[in-house]
Amino acid sequence: EGFYAVHKERPFFGELVEQMIASPVV
């Protein structure tokens, strides 16, 4: 949520956060 805060008001924000926390990233 902090990293993508710039997109907080956009309709895809919640889905983006869910995707990014679903499993590990590099």
PDB file of all heavy atoms in Angstrom:
ATOM      1  N   GLU A   1       0.829  -1.205   0.000  1.00  0.00           N
ATOM      2  CA  GLU A   1       0.000   0.000   0.000  1.00  0.00           C
ATOM      3  C   GLU A   1       0.866   1.259   0.000  1.00  0.00           C
ATOM      4  O   GLU A   1       0.556   2.229  -0.681  1.00  0.00           O
ATOM      5  CB  GLU A   1      -0.953  -0.002   1.191  1.00  0.00           C
ATOM      6  CG  GLU A   1      -2.076  -1.004   1.037  1.00  0.00           C
ATOM      7  CD  GLU A   1      -2.988  -1.100   2.239  1.00  0.00           C
ATOM      8  OE1 GLU A   1      -2.659  -0.552   3.317  1.00  0.00           O
ATOM      9  OE2 GLU A   1      -4.055  -1.728   2.106  1.00  0.00           O
ATOM     10  N   GLY A   2       1.958   1.241   0.750  1.00  0.00           N
ATOM     11  CA  GLY A   2       2.867   2.385   0.775  1.00  0.00           C
ATOM     12  C   GLY A   2       3.578   2.574  -0.551  1.00  0.00           C
ATOM     13  O   GLY A   2       3.683   3.692  -1.058  1.00  0.00           O
ATOM     14  N   PHE A   3       4.040   1.494  -1.117  1.00  0.00           N
ATOM     15  CA  PHE A   3       4.775   1.565  -2.374  1.00  0.00           C
ATOM     16  C   PHE A   3       3.888   2.088  -3.502  1.00  0.00           C
ATOM     17  O   PHE A   3       4.311   2.892  -4.325  1.00  0.00           O
ATOM     18  CB  PHE A   3       5.334   0.188  -2.736  1.00  0.00           C
ATOM     19  CG  PHE A   3       6.194   0.209  -3.968  1.00  0.00           C
ATOM     20  CD1 PHE A   3       7.498   0.676  -3.901  1.00  0.00           C
ATOM     21  CD2 PHE A   3       5.705  -0.219  -5.185  1.00  0.00           C
ATOM     22  CE1 PHE A   3       8.298   0.717  -5.041  1.00  0.00           C
ATOM     23  CE2 PHE A   3       6.498  -0.184  -6.330  1.00  0.00           C
ATOM     24  CZ  PHE A   3       7.793   0.288  -6.249  1.00  0.00           C
ATOM     25  N   TYR A   4       2.651   1.619  -3.550  1.00  0.00           N
ATOM     26  CA  TYR A   4       1.730   2.011  -4.619  1.00  0.00           C
ATOM     27  C   TYR A   4       0.769   3.127  -4.192  1.00  0.00           C
ATOM     28  O   TYR A   4      -0.266   3.331  -4.831  1.00  0.00           O
ATOM     29  CB  TYR A   4       0.943   0.791  -5.106  1.00  0.00           C
ATOM     30  CG  TYR A   4       1.791  -0.164  -5.912  1.00  0.00           C
ATOM     31  CD1 TYR A   4       2.199  -1.386  -5.387  1.00  0.00           C
ATOM     32  CD2 TYR A   4       2.202   0.162  -7.200  1.00  0.00           C
ATOM     33  CE1 TYR A   4       2.984  -2.252  -6.125  1.00  0.00           C
ATOM     34  CE2 TYR A   4       2.994  -0.702  -7.948  1.00  0.00           C
ATOM     35  CZ  TYR A   4       3.370  -1.908  -7.398  1.00  0.00           C
ATOM     36  OH  TYR A   4       4.159  -2.761  -8.143  1.00  0.00           O
ATOM     37  N   ALA A   5       1.115   3.878  -3.155  1.00  0.00           N
ATOM     38  CA  ALA A   5       0.242   4.939  -2.628  1.00  0.00           C
ATOM     39  C   ALA A   5      -0.167   5.952  -3.691  1.00  0.00           C
ATOM     40  O   ALA A   5      -1.270   6.504  -3.638  1.00  0.00           O
ATOM     41  CB  ALA A   5       0.922   5.646  -1.459  1.00  0.00           C
ATOM     42  N   VAL A   6       0.690   6.182  -4.670  1.00  0.00           N
ATOM     43  CA  VAL A   6       0.379   7.122  -5.749  1.00  0.00           C
ATOM     44  C   VAL A   6      -0.889   6.703  -6.510  1.00  0.00           C
ATOM     45  O   VAL A   6      -1.575   7.537  -7.095  1.00  0.00           O
ATOM     46  CB  VAL A   6       1.582   7.278  -6.710  1.00  0.00           C
ATOM     47  CG1 VAL A   6       1.874   5.988  -7.448  1.00  0.00           C
ATOM     48  CG2 VAL A   6       1.380   8.419  -7.678  1.00  0.00           C
ATOM     49  N   HIS A   7      -1.233   5.417  -6.446  1.00  0.00           N
ATOM     50  CA  HIS A   7      -2.407   4.895  -7.150  1.00  0.00           C
ATOM     51  C   HIS A   7      -3.610   4.687  -6.227  1.00  0.00           C
ATOM     52  O   HIS A   7      -4.608   4.112  -6.647  1.00  0.00           O
ATOM     53  CB  HIS A   7      -2.076   3.555  -7.816  1.00  0.00           C
ATOM     54  CG  HIS A   7      -0.988   3.633  -8.824  1.00  0.00           C
ATOM     55  ND1 HIS A   7      -1.043   4.449  -9.928  1.00  0.00           N
ATOM     56  CD2 HIS A   7       0.210   3.004  -8.896  1.00  0.00           C
ATOM     57  CE1 HIS A   7       0.056   4.316 -10.640  1.00  0.00           C
ATOM     58  NE2 HIS A   7       0.839   3.449 -10.037  1.00  0.00           N
ATOM     59  N   LYS A   8      -3.527   5.166  -4.994  1.00  0.00           N
ATOM     60  CA  LYS A   8      -4.542   4.879  -3.980  1.00  0.00           C
ATOM     61  C   LYS A   8      -5.971   5.204  -4.428  1.00  0.00           C
ATOM     62  O   LYS A   8      -6.908   4.481  -4.094  1.00  0.00           O
ATOM     63  CB  LYS A   8      -4.225   5.615  -2.682  1.00  0.00           C
ATOM     64  CG  LYS A   8      -5.075   5.157  -1.519  1.00  0.00           C
ATOM     65  CD  LYS A   8      -4.488   5.610  -0.211  1.00  0.00           C
ATOM     66  CE  LYS A   8      -5.240   5.102   0.969  1.00  0.00           C
ATOM     67  NZ  LYS A   8      -5.119   3.679   1.202  1.00  0.00           N
ATOM     68  N   GLU A   9      -6.158   6.258  -5.177  1.00  0.00           N
ATOM     69  CA  GLU A   9      -7.503   6.670  -5.599  1.00  0.00           C
ATOM     70  C   GLU A   9      -7.958   6.002  -6.894  1.00  0.00           C
ATOM     71  O   GLU A   9      -9.095   6.208  -7.320  1.00  0.00           O
ATOM     72  CB  GLU A   9      -7.556   8.196  -5.754  1.00  0.00           C
ATOM     73  CG  GLU A   9      -7.216   8.963  -4.483  1.00  0.00           C
ATOM     74  CD  GLU A   9      -8.083   8.567  -3.290  1.00  0.00           C
ATOM     75  OE1 GLU A   9      -9.307   8.395  -3.468  1.00  0.00           O
ATOM     76  OE2 GLU A   9      -7.522   8.410  -2.190  1.00  0.00           O
ATOM     77  N   ARG A  10      -7.118   5.212  -7.488  1.00  0.00           N
ATOM     78  CA  ARG A  10      -7.474   4.567  -8.757  1.00  0.00           C
ATOM     79  C   ARG A  10      -8.284   3.293  -8.503  1.00  0.00           C
ATOM     80  O   ARG A  10      -8.086   2.609  -7.492  1.00  0.00           O
ATOM     81  CB  ARG A  10      -6.222   4.262  -9.547  1.00  0.00           C
ATOM     82  CG  ARG A  10      -5.506   5.561  -9.911  1.00  0.00           C
ATOM     83  CD  ARG A  10      -4.548   5.263 -10.951  1.00  0.00           C
ATOM     84  NE  ARG A  10      -4.616   6.235 -12.019  1.00  0.00           N
ATOM     85  CZ  ARG A  10      -3.600   6.448 -12.815  1.00  0.00           C
ATOM     86  NH1 ARG A  10      -2.498   5.749 -12.671  1.00  0.00           N
ATOM     87  NH2 ARG A  10      -3.701   7.331 -13.771  1.00  0.00           N
ATOM     88  N   PRO A  11      -9.141   2.930  -9.421  1.00  0.00           N
ATOM     89  CA  PRO A  11     -10.015   1.769  -9.207  1.00  0.00           C
ATOM     90  C   PRO A  11      -9.268   0.438  -9.093  1.00  0.00           C
ATOM     91  O   PRO A  11      -9.771  -0.497  -8.473  1.00  0.00           O
ATOM     92  CB  PRO A  11     -10.945   1.770 -10.425  1.00  0.00           C
ATOM     93  CG  PRO A  11     -10.340   2.695 -11.413  1.00  0.00           C
ATOM     94  CD  PRO A  11      -9.439   3.626 -10.659  1.00  0.00           C
ATOM     95  N   PHE A  12      -8.065   0.350  -9.638  1.00  0.00           N
ATOM     96  CA  PHE A  12      -7.323  -0.912  -9.617  1.00  0.00           C
ATOM     97  C   PHE A  12      -6.424  -1.072  -8.386  1.00  0.00           C
ATOM     98  O   PHE A  12      -5.764  -2.099  -8.232  1.00  0.00           O
ATOM     99  CB  PHE A  12      -6.475  -1.060 -10.885  1.00  0.00           C
ATOM    100  CG  PHE A  12      -5.445   0.031 -11.071  1.00  0.00           C
ATOM    101  CD1 PHE A  12      -4.228  -0.003 -10.412  1.00  0.00           C
ATOM    102  CD2 PHE A  12      -5.711   1.101 -11.918  1.00  0.00           C
ATOM    103  CE1 PHE A  12      -3.279   0.995 -10.592  1.00  0.00           C
ATOM    104  CE2 PHE A  12      -4.766   2.103 -12.110  1.00  0.00           C
ATOM    105  CZ  PHE A  12      -3.550   2.055 -11.438  1.00  0.00           C
ATOM    106  N   PHE A  13      -6.404  -0.082  -7.489  1.00  0.00           N
ATOM    107  CA  PHE A  13      -5.479  -0.095  -6.352  1.00  0.00           C
ATOM    108  C   PHE A  13      -5.631  -1.351  -5.492  1.00  0.00           C
ATOM    109  O   PHE A  13      -4.646  -2.027  -5.190  1.00  0.00           O
ATOM    110  CB  PHE A  13      -5.668   1.160  -5.491  1.00  0.00           C
ATOM    111  CG  PHE A  13      -4.778   1.198  -4.274  1.00  0.00           C
ATOM    112  CD1 PHE A  13      -3.422   1.474  -4.398  1.00  0.00           C
ATOM    113  CD2 PHE A  13      -5.292   0.967  -3.006  1.00  0.00           C
ATOM    114  CE1 PHE A  13      -2.594   1.529  -3.290  1.00  0.00           C
ATOM    115  CE2 PHE A  13      -4.470   1.012  -1.888  1.00  0.00           C
ATOM    116  CZ  PHE A  13      -3.124   1.285  -2.033  1.00  0.00           C
ATOM    117  N   GLY A  14      -6.840  -1.689  -5.095  1.00  0.00           N
ATOM    118  CA  GLY A  14      -7.060  -2.853  -4.237  1.00  0.00           C
ATOM    119  C   GLY A  14      -6.599  -4.147  -4.881  1.00  0.00           C
ATOM    120  O   GLY A  14      -5.941  -4.974  -4.248  1.00  0.00           O
ATOM    121  N   GLU A  15      -6.918  -4.313  -6.153  1.00  0.00           N
ATOM    122  CA  GLU A  15      -6.508  -5.514  -6.883  1.00  0.00           C
ATOM    123  C   GLU A  15      -4.987  -5.572  -7.014  1.00  0.00           C
ATOM    124  O   GLU A  15      -4.382  -6.639  -6.867  1.00  0.00           O
ATOM    125  CB  GLU A  15      -7.149  -5.519  -8.271  1.00  0.00           C
ATOM    126  CG  GLU A  15      -6.814  -6.745  -9.082  1.00  0.00           C
ATOM    127  CD  GLU A  15      -7.445  -6.722 -10.469  1.00  0.00           C
ATOM    128  OE1 GLU A  15      -8.337  -5.892 -10.727  1.00  0.00           O
ATOM    129  OE2 GLU A  15      -7.016  -7.543 -11.298  1.00  0.00           O
ATOM    130  N   LEU A  16      -4.362  -4.425  -7.267  1.00  0.00           N
ATOM    131  CA  LEU A  16      -2.909  -4.355  -7.385  1.00  0.00           C
ATOM    132  C   LEU A  16      -2.243  -4.782  -6.076  1.00  0.00           C
ATOM    133  O   LEU A  16      -1.322  -5.611  -6.072  1.00  0.00           O
ATOM    134  CB  LEU A  16      -2.480  -2.935  -7.764  1.00  0.00           C
ATOM    135  CG  LEU A  16      -0.987  -2.651  -7.810  1.00  0.00           C
ATOM    136  CD1 LEU A  16      -0.284  -3.533  -8.829  1.00  0.00           C
ATOM    137  CD2 LEU A  16      -0.755  -1.166  -8.113  1.00  0.00           C
ATOM    138  N   VAL A  17      -2.714  -4.245  -4.971  1.00  0.00           N
ATOM    139  CA  VAL A  17      -2.150  -4.605  -3.664  1.00  0.00           C
ATOM    140  C   VAL A  17      -2.317  -6.099  -3.409  1.00  0.00           C
ATOM    141  O   VAL A  17      -1.374  -6.782  -2.994  1.00  0.00           O
ATOM    142  CB  VAL A  17      -2.785  -3.763  -2.535  1.00  0.00           C
ATOM    143  CG1 VAL A  17      -2.425  -4.313  -1.162  1.00  0.00           C
ATOM    144  CG2 VAL A  17      -2.356  -2.300  -2.660  1.00  0.00           C
ATOM    145  N   GLU A  18      -3.499  -6.629  -3.683  1.00  0.00           N
ATOM    146  CA  GLU A  18      -3.747  -8.063  -3.461  1.00  0.00           C
ATOM    147  C   GLU A  18      -2.805  -8.916  -4.302  1.00  0.00           C
ATOM    148  O   GLU A  18      -2.272  -9.919  -3.824  1.00  0.00           O
ATOM    149  CB  GLU A  18      -5.209  -8.417  -3.772  1.00  0.00           C
ATOM    150  CG  GLU A  18      -6.203  -7.853  -2.783  1.00  0.00           C
ATOM    151  CD  GLU A  18      -5.974  -8.286  -1.337  1.00  0.00           C
ATOM    152  OE1 GLU A  18      -5.616  -9.464  -1.097  1.00  0.00           O
ATOM    153  OE2 GLU A  18      -6.141  -7.439  -0.441  1.00  0.00           O
ATOM    154  N   GLN A  19      -2.590  -8.528  -5.554  1.00  0.00           N
ATOM    155  CA  GLN A  19      -1.675  -9.286  -6.411  1.00  0.00           C
ATOM    156  C   GLN A  19      -0.255  -9.251  -5.859  1.00  0.00           C
ATOM    157  O   GLN A  19       0.446 -10.265  -5.873  1.00  0.00           O
ATOM    158  CB  GLN A  19      -1.675  -8.717  -7.831  1.00  0.00           C
ATOM    159  CG  GLN A  19      -2.911  -9.053  -8.611  1.00  0.00           C
ATOM    160  CD  GLN A  19      -2.931  -8.364  -9.975  1.00  0.00           C
ATOM    161  OE1 GLN A  19      -2.122  -7.499 -10.271  1.00  0.00           O
ATOM    162  NE2 GLN A  19      -3.890  -8.754 -10.798  1.00  0.00           N
ATOM    163  N   MET A  20       0.171  -8.087  -5.389  1.00  0.00           N
ATOM    164  CA  MET A  20       1.559  -7.930  -4.953  1.00  0.00           C
ATOM    165  C   MET A  20       1.859  -8.618  -3.623  1.00  0.00           C
ATOM    166  O   MET A  20       3.013  -8.920  -3.343  1.00  0.00           O
ATOM    167  CB  MET A  20       1.925  -6.448  -4.880  1.00  0.00           C
ATOM    168  CG  MET A  20       1.917  -5.763  -6.244  1.00  0.00           C
ATOM    169  SD  MET A  20       2.976  -6.543  -7.484  1.00  0.00           S
ATOM    170  CE  MET A  20       4.583  -6.144  -6.825  1.00  0.00           C
ATOM    171  N   ILE A  21       0.831  -8.884  -2.819  1.00  0.00           N
ATOM    172  CA  ILE A  21       1.067  -9.568  -1.547  1.00  0.00           C
ATOM    173  C   ILE A  21       0.714 -11.049  -1.599  1.00  0.00           C
ATOM    174  O   ILE A  21       0.906 -11.770  -0.628  1.00  0.00           O
ATOM    175  CB  ILE A  21       0.315  -8.877  -0.375  1.00  0.00           C
ATOM    176  CG1 ILE A  21      -1.206  -8.999  -0.523  1.00  0.00           C
ATOM    177  CG2 ILE A  21       0.755  -7.423  -0.246  1.00  0.00           C
ATOM    178  CD1 ILE A  21      -1.991  -8.495   0.679  1.00  0.00           C
ATOM    179  N   ALA A  22       0.228 -11.502  -2.738  1.00  0.00           N
ATOM    180  CA  ALA A  22      -0.229 -12.892  -2.866  1.00  0.00           C
ATOM    181  C   ALA A  22       0.898 -13.907  -2.712  1.00  0.00           C
ATOM    182  O   ALA A  22       0.692 -15.001  -2.183  1.00  0.00           O
ATOM    183  CB  ALA A  22      -0.929 -13.089  -4.201  1.00  0.00           C
ATOM    184  N   SER A  23       2.080 -13.560  -3.169  1.00  0.00           N
ATOM    185  CA  SER A  23       3.234 -14.446  -3.071  1.00  0.00           C
ATOM    186  C   SER A  23       4.499 -13.598  -3.243  1.00  0.00           C
ATOM    187  O   SER A  23       4.415 -12.414  -3.537  1.00  0.00           O
ATOM    188  CB  SER A  23       3.144 -15.575  -4.100  1.00  0.00           C
ATOM    189  OG  SER A  23       3.080 -15.072  -5.412  1.00  0.00           O
ATOM    190  N   PRO A  24       5.668 -14.200  -3.066  1.00  0.00           N
ATOM    191  CA  PRO A  24       6.921 -13.418  -3.108  1.00  0.00           C
ATOM    192  C   PRO A  24       7.162 -12.695  -4.440  1.00  0.00           C
ATOM    193  O   PRO A  24       6.638 -13.074  -5.485  1.00  0.00           O
ATOM    194  CB  PRO A  24       8.002 -14.465  -2.860  1.00  0.00           C
ATOM    195  CG  PRO A  24       7.311 -15.519  -2.072  1.00  0.00           C
ATOM    196  CD  PRO A  24       5.920 -15.586  -2.669  1.00  0.00           C
ATOM    197  N   VAL A  25       7.982 -11.664  -4.328  1.00  0.00           N
ATOM    198  CA  VAL A  25       8.466 -10.884  -5.468  1.00  0.00           C
ATOM    199  C   VAL A  25       9.983 -10.823  -5.366  1.00  0.00           C
ATOM    200  O   VAL A  25      10.567 -11.132  -4.326  1.00  0.00           O
ATOM    201  CB  VAL A  25       7.901  -9.442  -5.477  1.00  0.00           C
ATOM    202  CG1 VAL A  25       6.395  -9.439  -5.558  1.00  0.00           C
ATOM    203  CG2 VAL A  25       8.380  -8.645  -4.269  1.00  0.00           C
ATOM    204  N   VAL A  26      10.625 -10.399  -6.453  1.00  0.00           N
ATOM    205  CA  VAL A  26      12.050 -10.100  -6.427  1.00  0.00           C
ATOM    206  C   VAL A  26      12.181  -8.603  -6.670  1.00  0.00           C
ATOM    207  O   VAL A  26      11.682  -8.090  -7.679  1.00  0.00           O
ATOM    208  CB  VAL A  26      12.836 -10.893  -7.491  1.00  0.00           C
ATOM    209  CG1 VAL A  26      14.278 -10.403  -7.581  1.00  0.00           C
ATOM    210  CG2 VAL A  26      12.795 -12.379  -7.165  1.00  0.00           C
TER     211      VAL A  26
END
